[in-house]
């Protein structure tokens, strides 16, 4: 389960112990799942939606994310970006 919330997560101990199950948390997921996601992206041609900003505007990018004004992932760039993928 990948999720963040304020409410506790009720779980039956009998369910965990009896079936030898467990719970774990992760912000990005385990490496195996990340690899499957990347493979799916390659297979389907999916591409991320990003907004680029030069490194010199990093403070502005952070403020934009903190204020929820970022529509997509913000990627900081360095140097000539004429060949960068959008």
C-alpha atoms as a PDB file:
ATOM      1  CA  UNK A   1       0.000   0.000   0.000  1.00  0.00           C
ATOM      2  CA  UNK A   2       1.354   3.406  -0.928  1.00  0.00           C
ATOM      3  CA  UNK A   3      -0.488   6.078   0.935  1.00  0.00           C
ATOM      4  CA  UNK A   4      -0.103   8.820   3.458  1.00  0.00           C
ATOM      5  CA  UNK A   5      -2.850   9.749   5.810  1.00  0.00           C
ATOM      6  CA  UNK A   6      -3.515  11.109   9.250  1.00  0.00           C
ATOM      7  CA  UNK A   7      -5.857   8.327  10.340  1.00  0.00           C
ATOM      8  CA  UNK A   8      -4.582   5.126  11.942  1.00  0.00           C
ATOM      9  CA  UNK A   9      -4.749   1.967   9.872  1.00  0.00           C
ATOM     10  CA  UNK A  10      -6.643  -0.731  11.792  1.00  0.00           C
ATOM     11  CA  UNK A  11      -5.222  -4.181  11.057  1.00  0.00           C
ATOM     12  CA  UNK A  12      -6.218  -7.467  12.634  1.00  0.00           C
ATOM     13  CA  UNK A  13      -3.203  -9.048  14.371  1.00  0.00           C
ATOM     14  CA  UNK A  14      -4.725 -12.495  13.864  1.00  0.00           C
ATOM     15  CA  UNK A  15      -4.874 -11.893  10.128  1.00  0.00           C
ATOM     16  CA  UNK A  16      -1.190 -10.925  10.088  1.00  0.00           C
ATOM     17  CA  UNK A  17       0.131 -13.663  12.372  1.00  0.00           C
ATOM     18  CA  UNK A  18      -2.098 -16.498  11.178  1.00  0.00           C
ATOM     19  CA  UNK A  19      -1.202 -16.009   7.533  1.00  0.00           C
ATOM     20  CA  UNK A  20       2.388 -14.817   8.174  1.00  0.00           C
ATOM     21  CA  UNK A  21       1.659 -11.449   6.591  1.00  0.00           C
ATOM     22  CA  UNK A  22       3.081  -8.047   7.357  1.00  0.00           C
ATOM     23  CA  UNK A  23       2.707  -4.373   6.599  1.00  0.00           C
ATOM     24  CA  UNK A  24       5.369  -2.011   5.310  1.00  0.00           C
ATOM     25  CA  UNK A  25       5.406   1.581   4.173  1.00  0.00           C
ATOM     26  CA  UNK A  26       7.255   3.337   1.381  1.00  0.00           C
ATOM     27  CA  UNK A  27       7.028   6.693  -0.325  1.00  0.00           C
ATOM     28  CA  UNK A  28       8.173   5.355  -3.698  1.00  0.00           C
ATOM     29  CA  UNK A  29       7.489   1.626  -3.468  1.00  0.00           C
ATOM     30  CA  UNK A  30       9.928  -1.273  -3.516  1.00  0.00           C
ATOM     31  CA  UNK A  31      12.599  -1.417  -6.266  1.00  0.00           C
ATOM     32  CA  UNK A  32      10.854  -4.350  -7.994  1.00  0.00           C
ATOM     33  CA  UNK A  33       7.627  -2.334  -8.398  1.00  0.00           C
ATOM     34  CA  UNK A  34       9.563   0.711  -9.610  1.00  0.00           C
ATOM     35  CA  UNK A  35      11.264  -1.460 -12.245  1.00  0.00           C
ATOM     36  CA  UNK A  36       7.906  -2.850 -13.407  1.00  0.00           C
ATOM     37  CA  UNK A  37       6.550   0.707 -13.671  1.00  0.00           C
ATOM     38  CA  UNK A  38       9.530   1.841 -15.748  1.00  0.00           C
ATOM     39  CA  UNK A  39       9.238  -1.235 -17.993  1.00  0.00           C
ATOM     40  CA  UNK A  40       5.544  -0.441 -18.542  1.00  0.00           C
ATOM     41  CA  UNK A  41       6.444   3.124 -19.492  1.00  0.00           C
ATOM     42  CA  UNK A  42       8.967   1.900 -22.061  1.00  0.00           C
ATOM     43  CA  UNK A  43       6.543  -0.698 -23.432  1.00  0.00           C
ATOM     44  CA  UNK A  44       3.697   1.815 -23.883  1.00  0.00           C
ATOM     45  CA  UNK A  45       5.739   4.893 -24.769  1.00  0.00           C
ATOM     46  CA  UNK A  46       4.419   6.755 -21.709  1.00  0.00           C
ATOM     47  CA  UNK A  47       6.322   9.912 -20.860  1.00  0.00           C
ATOM     48  CA  UNK A  48       6.174  12.092 -17.739  1.00  0.00           C
ATOM     49  CA  UNK A  49       4.590  15.509 -17.782  1.00  0.00           C
ATOM     50  CA  UNK A  50       7.245  17.875 -16.456  1.00  0.00           C
ATOM     51  CA  UNK A  51       7.955  21.548 -16.116  1.00  0.00           C
ATOM     52  CA  UNK A  52      11.585  22.598 -16.489  1.00  0.00           C
ATOM     53  CA  UNK A  53      13.213  25.529 -14.746  1.00  0.00           C
ATOM     54  CA  UNK A  54      16.858  26.590 -14.785  1.00  0.00           C
ATOM     55  CA  UNK A  55      18.870  25.777 -11.670  1.00  0.00           C
ATOM     56  CA  UNK A  56      19.181  29.503 -10.988  1.00  0.00           C
ATOM     57  CA  UNK A  57      15.425  29.536 -10.274  1.00  0.00           C
ATOM     58  CA  UNK A  58      15.549  26.638  -7.779  1.00  0.00           C
ATOM     59  CA  UNK A  59      14.164  28.754  -4.931  1.00  0.00           C
ATOM     60  CA  UNK A  60      11.203  29.731  -7.120  1.00  0.00           C
ATOM     61  CA  UNK A  61      10.631  26.074  -8.044  1.00  0.00           C
ATOM     62  CA  UNK A  62      10.591  25.027  -4.378  1.00  0.00           C
ATOM     63  CA  UNK A  63       8.151  27.824  -3.525  1.00  0.00           C
ATOM     64  CA  UNK A  64       5.949  26.795  -6.434  1.00  0.00           C
ATOM     65  CA  UNK A  65       5.815  23.212  -5.127  1.00  0.00           C
ATOM     66  CA  UNK A  66       5.177  24.276  -1.522  1.00  0.00           C
ATOM     67  CA  UNK A  67       2.282  26.499  -2.573  1.00  0.00           C
ATOM     68  CA  UNK A  68       0.757  23.718  -4.734  1.00  0.00           C
ATOM     69  CA  UNK A  69       1.185  25.834  -7.871  1.00  0.00           C
ATOM     70  CA  UNK A  70       3.251  23.163  -9.642  1.00  0.00           C
ATOM     71  CA  UNK A  71       1.052  21.406 -12.185  1.00  0.00           C
ATOM     72  CA  UNK A  72       3.605  18.659 -12.903  1.00  0.00           C
ATOM     73  CA  UNK A  73       6.966  17.495 -11.601  1.00  0.00           C
ATOM     74  CA  UNK A  74       9.473  20.341 -11.731  1.00  0.00           C
ATOM     75  CA  UNK A  75      12.888  19.438 -13.134  1.00  0.00           C
ATOM     76  CA  UNK A  76      15.813  21.801 -12.625  1.00  0.00           C
ATOM     77  CA  UNK A  77      18.045  22.137 -15.671  1.00  0.00           C
ATOM     78  CA  UNK A  78      21.654  23.140 -16.173  1.00  0.00           C
ATOM     79  CA  UNK A  79      23.277  24.536 -19.302  1.00  0.00           C
ATOM     80  CA  UNK A  80      21.910  24.268 -22.841  1.00  0.00           C
ATOM     81  CA  UNK A  81      18.572  22.454 -22.886  1.00  0.00           C
ATOM     82  CA  UNK A  82      17.902  22.701 -26.638  1.00  0.00           C
ATOM     83  CA  UNK A  83      17.940  18.881 -26.927  1.00  0.00           C
ATOM     84  CA  UNK A  84      15.944  18.201 -23.733  1.00  0.00           C
ATOM     85  CA  UNK A  85      12.814  16.047 -23.952  1.00  0.00           C
ATOM     86  CA  UNK A  86       9.569  17.658 -22.839  1.00  0.00           C
END
